[in-house]
Every structure is written in C-alpha cells, then in structure tokens.
PDB file of N, CA and C in Angstrom:
ATOM      1  N   UNK A   1     -74.971  65.468 176.016  1.00  0.00           N
ATOM      2  CA  UNK A   1     -75.052  66.471 176.834  1.00  0.00           C
ATOM      3  C   UNK A   1     -74.554  67.644 175.293  1.00  0.00           C
ATOM      4  N   UNK A   2     -74.022  68.409 175.513  1.00  0.00           N
ATOM      5  CA  UNK A   2     -73.937  69.467 174.224  1.00  0.00           C
ATOM      6  C   UNK A   2     -72.526  70.165 174.056  1.00  0.00           C
ATOM      7  N   UNK A   3     -71.898  69.508 173.607  1.00  0.00           N
ATOM      8  CA  UNK A   3     -69.939  69.438 173.529  1.00  0.00           C
ATOM      9  C   UNK A   3     -69.621  70.512 172.818  1.00  0.00           C
ATOM     10  N   UNK A   4     -70.980  71.429 171.912  1.00  0.00           N
ATOM     11  CA  UNK A   4     -69.989  72.792 171.839  1.00  0.00           C
ATOM     12  C   UNK A   4     -71.005  73.201 170.768  1.00  0.00           C
ATOM     13  N   UNK A   5     -71.274  74.552 170.676  1.00  0.00           N
ATOM     14  CA  UNK A   5     -72.153  75.269 169.873  1.00  0.00           C
ATOM     15  C   UNK A   5     -71.501  76.226 169.086  1.00  0.00           C
ATOM     16  N   UNK A   6     -72.089  76.249 167.610  1.00  0.00           N
ATOM     17  CA  UNK A   6     -71.564  77.232 166.404  1.00  0.00           C
ATOM     18  C   UNK A   6     -73.151  77.763 166.233  1.00  0.00           C
ATOM     19  N   UNK A   7     -72.378  79.453 166.605  1.00  0.00           N
ATOM     20  CA  UNK A   7     -73.247  80.255 166.281  1.00  0.00           C
ATOM     21  C   UNK A   7     -73.181  81.674 165.207  1.00  0.00           C
ATOM     22  N   UNK A   8     -74.215  81.035 164.295  1.00  0.00           N
ATOM     23  CA  UNK A   8     -74.608  81.932 162.965  1.00  0.00           C
ATOM     24  C   UNK A   8     -73.679  82.865 162.907  1.00  0.00           C
ATOM     25  N   UNK A   9     -72.927  83.330 161.608  1.00  0.00           N
ATOM     26  CA  UNK A   9     -72.141  84.228 161.945  1.00  0.00           C
ATOM     27  C   UNK A   9     -72.724  85.875 161.975  1.00  0.00           C
ATOM     28  N   UNK A  10     -73.977  86.126 161.718  1.00  0.00           N
ATOM     29  CA  UNK A  10     -75.036  86.727 161.654  1.00  0.00           C
ATOM     30  C   UNK A  10     -75.774  87.332 162.948  1.00  0.00           C
ATOM     31  N   UNK A  11     -75.454  86.336 163.981  1.00  0.00           N
ATOM     32  CA  UNK A  11     -75.739  86.290 164.917  1.00  0.00           C
ATOM     33  C   UNK A  11     -75.557  87.636 166.123  1.00  0.00           C
ATOM     34  N   UNK A  12     -76.451  88.146 166.418  1.00  0.00           N
ATOM     35  CA  UNK A  12     -76.519  89.820 167.081  1.00  0.00           C
ATOM     36  C   UNK A  12     -77.123  89.599 168.534  1.00  0.00           C
ATOM     37  N   UNK A  13     -77.068  89.133 169.528  1.00  0.00           N
ATOM     38  CA  UNK A  13     -77.682  89.267 170.692  1.00  0.00           C
ATOM     39  C   UNK A  13     -78.549  90.331 171.173  1.00  0.00           C
ATOM     40  N   UNK A  14     -79.594  89.538 171.297  1.00  0.00           N
ATOM     41  CA  UNK A  14     -80.756  90.718 171.948  1.00  0.00           C
ATOM     42  C   UNK A  14     -81.449  90.982 170.744  1.00  0.00           C
ATOM     43  N   UNK A  15     -81.102  91.234 169.550  1.00  0.00           N
ATOM     44  CA  UNK A  15     -81.484  91.930 168.482  1.00  0.00           C
ATOM     45  C   UNK A  15     -83.207  91.498 168.529  1.00  0.00           C
ATOM     46  N   UNK A  16     -83.541  90.109 168.732  1.00  0.00           N
ATOM     47  CA  UNK A  16     -84.850  89.508 168.091  1.00  0.00           C
ATOM     48  C   UNK A  16     -85.765  90.298 169.496  1.00  0.00           C
ATOM     49  N   UNK A  17     -85.645  90.813 170.332  1.00  0.00           N
ATOM     50  CA  UNK A  17     -86.055  91.285 171.540  1.00  0.00           C
ATOM     51  C   UNK A  17     -86.282  92.313 171.490  1.00  0.00           C
ATOM     52  N   UNK A  18     -84.967  93.247 171.395  1.00  0.00           N
ATOM     53  CA  UNK A  18     -84.938  94.774 171.386  1.00  0.00           C
ATOM     54  C   UNK A  18     -84.356  96.057 170.533  1.00  0.00           C
ATOM     55  N   UNK A  19     -84.037  95.015 169.538  1.00  0.00           N
ATOM     56  CA  UNK A  19     -83.191  95.679 168.481  1.00  0.00           C
ATOM     57  C   UNK A  19     -84.402  96.220 167.546  1.00  0.00           C
ATOM     58  N   UNK A  20     -84.207  95.891 166.396  1.00  0.00           N
ATOM     59  CA  UNK A  20     -85.031  95.806 165.023  1.00  0.00           C
ATOM     60  C   UNK A  20     -85.274  94.701 164.561  1.00  0.00           C
ATOM     61  N   UNK A  21     -85.611  93.872 165.494  1.00  0.00           N
ATOM     62  CA  UNK A  21     -86.807  92.540 165.418  1.00  0.00           C
ATOM     63  C   UNK A  21     -85.531  91.758 163.861  1.00  0.00           C
ATOM     64  N   UNK A  22     -84.518  91.800 163.932  1.00  0.00           N
ATOM     65  CA  UNK A  22     -84.007  91.119 162.697  1.00  0.00           C
ATOM     66  C   UNK A  22     -83.460  89.862 162.796  1.00  0.00           C
ATOM     67  N   UNK A  23     -84.112  88.480 163.247  1.00  0.00           N
ATOM     68  CA  UNK A  23     -83.866  87.225 163.867  1.00  0.00           C
ATOM     69  C   UNK A  23     -82.491  86.501 162.392  1.00  0.00           C
ATOM     70  N   UNK A  24     -82.378  87.071 161.066  1.00  0.00           N
ATOM     71  CA  UNK A  24     -81.629  86.458 160.158  1.00  0.00           C
ATOM     72  C   UNK A  24     -80.452  85.905 160.435  1.00  0.00           C
ATOM     73  N   UNK A  25     -80.081  85.787 162.111  1.00  0.00           N
ATOM     74  CA  UNK A  25     -78.921  84.777 162.310  1.00  0.00           C
ATOM     75  C   UNK A  25     -79.098  84.440 163.652  1.00  0.00           C
ATOM     76  N   UNK A  26     -80.667  84.167 163.893  1.00  0.00           N
ATOM     77  CA  UNK A  26     -81.100  83.373 165.376  1.00  0.00           C
ATOM     78  C   UNK A  26     -80.733  82.001 165.157  1.00  0.00           C
ATOM     79  N   UNK A  27     -79.917  81.414 164.938  1.00  0.00           N
ATOM     80  CA  UNK A  27     -79.806  79.958 164.447  1.00  0.00           C
ATOM     81  C   UNK A  27     -78.190  79.309 164.757  1.00  0.00           C
ATOM     82  N   UNK A  28     -78.560  78.341 165.323  1.00  0.00           N
ATOM     83  CA  UNK A  28     -77.247  77.533 165.837  1.00  0.00           C
ATOM     84  C   UNK A  28     -77.302  76.324 165.642  1.00  0.00           C
ATOM     85  N   UNK A  29     -75.789  75.407 165.469  1.00  0.00           N
ATOM     86  CA  UNK A  29     -75.932  74.441 165.570  1.00  0.00           C
ATOM     87  C   UNK A  29     -75.058  73.773 167.072  1.00  0.00           C
ATOM     88  N   UNK A  30     -75.207  72.797 167.205  1.00  0.00           N
ATOM     89  CA  UNK A  30     -74.859  71.811 168.766  1.00  0.00           C
ATOM     90  C   UNK A  30     -74.751  70.814 168.288  1.00  0.00           C
ATOM     91  N   UNK A  31     -73.442  70.467 168.695  1.00  0.00           N
ATOM     92  CA  UNK A  31     -73.046  68.957 168.327  1.00  0.00           C
ATOM     93  C   UNK A  31     -72.886  68.941 169.767  1.00  0.00           C
ATOM     94  N   UNK A  32     -73.740  66.926 169.988  1.00  0.00           N
ATOM     95  CA  UNK A  32     -74.365  66.442 170.732  1.00  0.00           C
ATOM     96  C   UNK A  32     -72.994  65.446 171.071  1.00  0.00           C
ATOM     97  N   UNK A  33     -72.787  65.141 172.379  1.00  0.00           N
ATOM     98  CA  UNK A  33     -72.132  64.047 173.017  1.00  0.00           C
ATOM     99  C   UNK A  33     -72.785  63.240 174.461  1.00  0.00           C
ATOM    100  N   UNK A  34     -73.372  62.329 173.886  1.00  0.00           N
ATOM    101  CA  UNK A  34     -72.631  61.314 173.295  1.00  0.00           C
ATOM    102  C   UNK A  34     -73.670  61.549 171.853  1.00  0.00           C
ATOM    103  N   UNK A  35     -73.356  61.292 170.515  1.00  0.00           N
ATOM    104  CA  UNK A  35     -74.782  61.825 169.591  1.00  0.00           C
ATOM    105  C   UNK A  35     -75.458  61.201 169.560  1.00  0.00           C
ATOM    106  N   UNK A  36     -76.136  61.367 168.510  1.00  0.00           N
ATOM    107  CA  UNK A  36     -77.608  60.906 168.916  1.00  0.00           C
ATOM    108  C   UNK A  36     -77.774  59.678 167.479  1.00  0.00           C
ATOM    109  N   UNK A  37     -78.603  58.740 168.157  1.00  0.00           N
ATOM    110  CA  UNK A  37     -78.324  58.011 166.847  1.00  0.00           C
ATOM    111  C   UNK A  37     -79.955  58.061 166.199  1.00  0.00           C
ATOM    112  N   UNK A  38     -80.201  57.973 164.774  1.00  0.00           N
ATOM    113  CA  UNK A  38     -81.068  58.218 163.869  1.00  0.00           C
ATOM    114  C   UNK A  38     -82.527  57.309 164.585  1.00  0.00           C
ATOM    115  N   UNK A  39     -83.380  58.241 164.402  1.00  0.00           N
ATOM    116  CA  UNK A  39     -84.682  56.990 164.835  1.00  0.00           C
ATOM    117  C   UNK A  39     -86.169  57.639 163.493  1.00  0.00           C
ATOM    118  N   UNK A  40     -87.179  57.103 163.953  1.00  0.00           N
ATOM    119  CA  UNK A  40     -88.228  57.547 163.094  1.00  0.00           C
ATOM    120  C   UNK A  40     -88.511  59.016 163.535  1.00  0.00           C
ATOM    121  N   UNK A  41     -88.219  59.253 164.785  1.00  0.00           N
ATOM    122  CA  UNK A  41     -88.214  60.612 165.036  1.00  0.00           C
ATOM    123  C   UNK A  41     -87.109  61.587 165.169  1.00  0.00           C
ATOM    124  N   UNK A  42     -85.961  61.268 165.104  1.00  0.00           N
ATOM    125  CA  UNK A  42     -84.979  61.534 165.149  1.00  0.00           C
ATOM    126  C   UNK A  42     -84.060  61.711 163.973  1.00  0.00           C
ATOM    127  N   UNK A  43     -84.146  62.722 163.140  1.00  0.00           N
ATOM    128  CA  UNK A  43     -83.945  62.784 161.856  1.00  0.00           C
ATOM    129  C   UNK A  43     -83.242  64.302 161.859  1.00  0.00           C
ATOM    130  N   UNK A  44     -82.192  64.068 160.429  1.00  0.00           N
ATOM    131  CA  UNK A  44     -81.525  65.140 160.062  1.00  0.00           C
ATOM    132  C   UNK A  44     -82.582  66.190 159.216  1.00  0.00           C
ATOM    133  N   UNK A  45     -82.059  67.245 159.351  1.00  0.00           N
ATOM    134  CA  UNK A  45     -83.171  68.481 158.366  1.00  0.00           C
ATOM    135  C   UNK A  45     -82.154  68.697 157.122  1.00  0.00           C
ATOM    136  N   UNK A  46     -82.464  69.538 156.077  1.00  0.00           N
ATOM    137  CA  UNK A  46     -81.907  70.182 155.166  1.00  0.00           C
ATOM    138  C   UNK A  46     -82.775  71.857 155.071  1.00  0.00           C
ATOM    139  N   UNK A  47     -81.763  72.417 155.612  1.00  0.00           N
ATOM    140  CA  UNK A  47     -82.210  73.642 155.756  1.00  0.00           C
ATOM    141  C   UNK A  47     -81.857  74.428 153.795  1.00  0.00           C
ATOM    142  N   UNK A  48     -82.555  75.684 153.290  1.00  0.00           N
ATOM    143  CA  UNK A  48     -82.448  76.268 152.133  1.00  0.00           C
ATOM    144  C   UNK A  48     -80.826  77.070 152.191  1.00  0.00           C
ATOM    145  N   UNK A  49     -80.049  77.002 151.135  1.00  0.00           N
ATOM    146  CA  UNK A  49     -79.274  78.250 150.942  1.00  0.00           C
ATOM    147  C   UNK A  49     -79.617  79.108 150.920  1.00  0.00           C
ATOM    148  N   UNK A  50     -78.716  80.248 151.215  1.00  0.00           N
ATOM    149  CA  UNK A  50     -78.618  81.930 151.329  1.00  0.00           C
ATOM    150  C   UNK A  50     -79.291  82.669 150.469  1.00  0.00           C
ATOM    151  N   UNK A  51     -79.297  81.853 148.784  1.00  0.00           N
ATOM    152  CA  UNK A  51     -80.016  82.427 147.645  1.00  0.00           C
ATOM    153  C   UNK A  51     -81.615  82.156 147.572  1.00  0.00           C
ATOM    154  N   UNK A  52     -82.140  81.034 148.281  1.00  0.00           N
ATOM    155  CA  UNK A  52     -83.218  80.657 148.554  1.00  0.00           C
ATOM    156  C   UNK A  52     -84.424  81.684 148.971  1.00  0.00           C
ATOM    157  N   UNK A  53     -85.220  82.011 148.263  1.00  0.00           N
ATOM    158  CA  UNK A  53     -86.684  83.113 148.266  1.00  0.00           C
ATOM    159  C   UNK A  53     -87.779  82.271 148.373  1.00  0.00           C
ATOM    160  N   UNK A  54     -88.457  82.434 149.571  1.00  0.00           N
ATOM    161  CA  UNK A  54     -90.173  82.543 149.687  1.00  0.00           C
ATOM    162  C   UNK A  54     -90.956  83.881 149.528  1.00  0.00           C
ATOM    163  N   UNK A  55     -91.699  83.220 148.893  1.00  0.00           N
ATOM    164  CA  UNK A  55     -93.048  84.529 148.759  1.00  0.00           C
ATOM    165  C   UNK A  55     -93.445  84.576 150.046  1.00  0.00           C
ATOM    166  N   UNK A  56     -93.905  86.218 150.247  1.00  0.00           N
ATOM    167  CA  UNK A  56     -94.978  86.316 151.207  1.00  0.00           C
ATOM    168  C   UNK A  56     -96.091  85.627 151.147  1.00  0.00           C
ATOM    169  N   UNK A  57     -96.627  84.992 152.114  1.00  0.00           N
ATOM    170  CA  UNK A  57     -97.456  84.186 152.428  1.00  0.00           C
ATOM    171  C   UNK A  57     -97.461  82.872 152.515  1.00  0.00           C
ATOM    172  N   UNK A  58     -96.445  82.436 151.949  1.00  0.00           N
ATOM    173  CA  UNK A  58     -95.757  80.818 151.965  1.00  0.00           C
ATOM    174  C   UNK A  58     -96.146  80.430 153.386  1.00  0.00           C
ATOM    175  N   UNK A  59     -96.984  79.371 153.502  1.00  0.00           N
ATOM    176  CA  UNK A  59     -97.273  78.506 154.792  1.00  0.00           C
ATOM    177  C   UNK A  59     -95.650  78.096 155.119  1.00  0.00           C
ATOM    178  N   UNK A  60     -95.534  77.839 156.785  1.00  0.00           N
ATOM    179  CA  UNK A  60     -94.264  77.500 157.264  1.00  0.00           C
ATOM    180  C   UNK A  60     -94.761  77.225 158.468  1.00  0.00           C
ATOM    181  N   UNK A  61     -93.500  76.677 159.554  1.00  0.00           N
ATOM    182  CA  UNK A  61     -94.125  76.389 160.826  1.00  0.00           C
ATOM    183  C   UNK A  61     -92.756  76.640 161.483  1.00  0.00           C
ATOM    184  N   UNK A  62     -92.831  77.549 161.845  1.00  0.00           N
ATOM    185  CA  UNK A  62     -91.069  77.655 163.022  1.00  0.00           C
ATOM    186  C   UNK A  62     -91.462  76.550 164.516  1.00  0.00           C
ATOM    187  N   UNK A  63     -90.214  76.222 164.595  1.00  0.00           N
ATOM    188  CA  UNK A  63     -90.582  75.634 165.971  1.00  0.00           C
ATOM    189  C   UNK A  63     -88.680  76.074 166.574  1.00  0.00           C
ATOM    190  N   UNK A  64     -88.893  76.031 168.007  1.00  0.00           N
ATOM    191  CA  UNK A  64     -87.060  76.471 168.526  1.00  0.00           C
ATOM    192  C   UNK A  64     -87.466  76.295 169.840  1.00  0.00           C
ATOM    193  N   UNK A  65     -86.535  76.343 170.783  1.00  0.00           N
ATOM    194  CA  UNK A  65     -86.546  76.400 171.994  1.00  0.00           C
ATOM    195  C   UNK A  65     -85.692  77.495 172.665  1.00  0.00           C
ATOM    196  N   UNK A  66     -86.147  78.224 173.823  1.00  0.00           N
ATOM    197  CA  UNK A  66     -85.650  79.137 174.368  1.00  0.00           C
ATOM    198  C   UNK A  66     -86.681  80.444 174.943  1.00  0.00           C
ATOM    199  N   UNK A  67     -85.930  81.745 174.201  1.00  0.00           N
ATOM    200  CA  UNK A  67     -86.658  82.913 174.918  1.00  0.00           C
ATOM    201  C   UNK A  67     -87.381  83.424 173.858  1.00  0.00           C
ATOM    202  N   UNK A  68     -88.614  83.516 173.614  1.00  0.00           N
ATOM    203  CA  UNK A  68     -89.487  84.470 172.982  1.00  0.00           C
ATOM    204  C   UNK A  68     -90.289  85.342 173.124  1.00  0.00           C
ATOM    205  N   UNK A  69     -90.688  86.834 172.543  1.00  0.00           N
ATOM    206  CA  UNK A  69     -91.476  87.694 172.979  1.00  0.00           C
ATOM    207  C   UNK A  69     -92.529  87.924 171.888  1.00  0.00           C
ATOM    208  N   UNK A  70     -93.736  87.851 172.730  1.00  0.00           N
ATOM    209  CA  UNK A  70     -95.020  88.083 171.851  1.00  0.00           C
ATOM    210  C   UNK A  70     -96.026  88.802 172.549  1.00  0.00           C
ATOM    211  N   UNK A  71     -96.075  89.726 172.218  1.00  0.00           N
ATOM    212  CA  UNK A  71     -96.846  91.018 172.937  1.00  0.00           C
ATOM    213  C   UNK A  71     -96.872  91.675 174.191  1.00  0.00           C
ATOM    214  N   UNK A  72     -95.565  91.992 174.351  1.00  0.00           N
ATOM    215  CA  UNK A  72     -94.435  92.162 175.206  1.00  0.00           C
ATOM    216  C   UNK A  72     -94.319  90.997 176.520  1.00  0.00           C
ATOM    217  N   UNK A  73     -94.504  89.835 176.001  1.00  0.00           N
ATOM    218  CA  UNK A  73     -94.757  89.183 177.173  1.00  0.00           C
ATOM    219  C   UNK A  73     -93.497  88.045 176.670  1.00  0.00           C
ATOM    220  N   UNK A  74     -92.415  87.748 177.896  1.00  0.00           N
ATOM    221  CA  UNK A  74     -91.154  87.029 177.352  1.00  0.00           C
ATOM    222  C   UNK A  74     -91.602  85.713 178.210  1.00  0.00           C
ATOM    223  N   UNK A  75     -91.548  84.531 176.904  1.00  0.00           N
ATOM    224  CA  UNK A  75     -91.863  83.181 177.514  1.00  0.00           C
ATOM    225  C   UNK A  75     -90.442  82.392 177.542  1.00  0.00           C
ATOM    226  N   UNK A  76     -90.090  82.434 178.730  1.00  0.00           N
ATOM    227  CA  UNK A  76     -88.572  81.701 178.553  1.00  0.00           C
ATOM    228  C   UNK A  76     -88.514  80.100 178.647  1.00  0.00           C
ATOM    229  N   UNK A  77     -87.843  79.630 177.959  1.00  0.00           N
ATOM    230  CA  UNK A  77     -87.087  78.135 178.568  1.00  0.00           C
ATOM    231  C   UNK A  77     -87.952  77.203 178.036  1.00  0.00           C
ATOM    232  N   UNK A  78     -88.504  77.739 177.290  1.00  0.00           N
ATOM    233  CA  UNK A  78     -89.623  76.234 176.648  1.00  0.00           C
ATOM    234  C   UNK A  78     -89.487  76.179 174.965  1.00  0.00           C
ATOM    235  N   UNK A  79     -90.030  74.546 174.395  1.00  0.00           N
ATOM    236  CA  UNK A  79     -90.167  74.466 173.587  1.00  0.00           C
ATOM    237  C   UNK A  79     -91.514  75.055 173.248  1.00  0.00           C
ATOM    238  N   UNK A  80     -91.029  75.763 171.923  1.00  0.00           N
ATOM    239  CA  UNK A  80     -92.756  76.158 171.186  1.00  0.00           C
ATOM    240  C   UNK A  80     -92.625  76.404 169.853  1.00  0.00           C
ATOM    241  N   UNK A  81     -93.332  76.176 169.000  1.00  0.00           N
ATOM    242  CA  UNK A  81     -93.925  76.138 168.170  1.00  0.00           C
ATOM    243  C   UNK A  81     -94.740  77.066 167.279  1.00  0.00           C
ATOM    244  N   UNK A  82     -94.892  77.737 166.033  1.00  0.00           N
ATOM    245  CA  UNK A  82     -95.792  78.788 165.860  1.00  0.00           C
ATOM    246  C   UNK A  82     -96.389  78.548 164.074  1.00  0.00           C
ATOM    247  N   UNK A  83     -97.009  77.995 164.203  1.00  0.00           N
ATOM    248  CA  UNK A  83     -97.916  77.804 162.734  1.00  0.00           C
ATOM    249  C   UNK A  83     -98.205  79.292 162.169  1.00  0.00           C
ATOM    250  N   UNK A  84     -97.895  79.520 160.670  1.00  0.00           N
ATOM    251  CA  UNK A  84     -98.340  80.900 159.867  1.00  0.00           C
ATOM    252  C   UNK A  84     -97.815  81.301 158.997  1.00  0.00           C
ATOM    253  N   UNK A  85     -97.647  82.569 158.458  1.00  0.00           N
ATOM    254  CA  UNK A  85     -97.374  82.125 156.645  1.00  0.00           C
ATOM    255  C   UNK A  85     -96.230  83.524 157.190  1.00  0.00           C
ATOM    256  N   UNK A  86     -95.244  83.325 156.204  1.00  0.00           N
ATOM    257  CA  UNK A  86     -94.131  84.138 155.953  1.00  0.00           C
ATOM    258  C   UNK A  86     -94.371  85.667 155.821  1.00  0.00           C
ATOM    259  N   UNK A  87     -94.052  86.680 156.466  1.00  0.00           N
ATOM    260  CA  UNK A  87     -93.670  87.738 155.958  1.00  0.00           C
ATOM    261  C   UNK A  87     -93.075  88.457 155.345  1.00  0.00           C
ATOM    262  N   UNK A  88     -93.370  89.907 154.596  1.00  0.00           N
ATOM    263  CA  UNK A  88     -92.325  90.302 153.629  1.00  0.00           C
ATOM    264  C   UNK A  88     -90.708  90.226 154.228  1.00  0.00           C
ATOM    265  N   UNK A  89     -90.407  90.281 155.483  1.00  0.00           N
ATOM    266  CA  UNK A  89     -89.051  90.515 155.880  1.00  0.00           C
ATOM    267  C   UNK A  89     -88.667  88.660 156.303  1.00  0.00           C
ATOM    268  N   UNK A  90     -89.082  88.126 156.411  1.00  0.00           N
ATOM    269  CA  UNK A  90     -88.809  86.321 155.987  1.00  0.00           C
ATOM    270  C   UNK A  90     -88.761  85.396 155.046  1.00  0.00           C
ATOM    271  N   UNK A  91     -88.553  86.500 153.911  1.00  0.00           N
ATOM    272  CA  UNK A  91     -88.215  85.630 152.624  1.00  0.00           C
ATOM    273  C   UNK A  91     -87.081  84.511 152.405  1.00  0.00           C
ATOM    274  N   UNK A  92     -85.678  85.153 154.019  1.00  0.00           N
ATOM    275  CA  UNK A  92     -85.012  84.433 153.365  1.00  0.00           C
ATOM    276  C   UNK A  92     -84.830  83.011 153.892  1.00  0.00           C
ATOM    277  N   UNK A  93     -85.828  82.561 155.005  1.00  0.00           N
ATOM    278  CA  UNK A  93     -86.331  81.714 155.658  1.00  0.00           C
ATOM    279  C   UNK A  93     -86.350  80.256 155.004  1.00  0.00           C
TER     280      UNK A  93
END
C-alpha cells in the first residue's frame, strides 16, 4: 500500500481543472509499503531539474493516474497516456 505521499510544493488543488490550467506542481511522490522490487517492468525514473527547458514542439508522452478533463468531460480514477507535443507553457517538463 501507500505509506505516505509528498506533494510538489507548487501544487494547488483544482487549478488544472477549474483554474488557469497551470499544472506545474501537479506531481507527487508515493512511498510504498512494502517497497517494490525493481524488475524489467518496474524501474526508477529520472526527472529533469527545474532549469531544464524543452522547446515547444518537442515530442513527449505524459502518463498518470487519476482525474483528467478533456473537452469538458472528466475522466476519473483510471490510468491514462497522452502522446503529443509540448506547447509553449509546458517547457518545464
């Protein structure tokens, strides 16, 4: 199970759906208990530092779990994957 969750300090609940769409802090770390064992399919990831910038149009894939809103519809509680290109407001990812 999940022993603890650490939210990004810039996280503001509801902003991605109801506010200005800023999801810069929409990230959290979960400490699992018991810990997972690394395998071919379970591995750590490296995240870029806060000063790393990617130009608009960079190919990327965003994955996650939870609530997302597209075209006015809210899709809740499922895993999702979105292949696309970074827009001008996403260079920090």
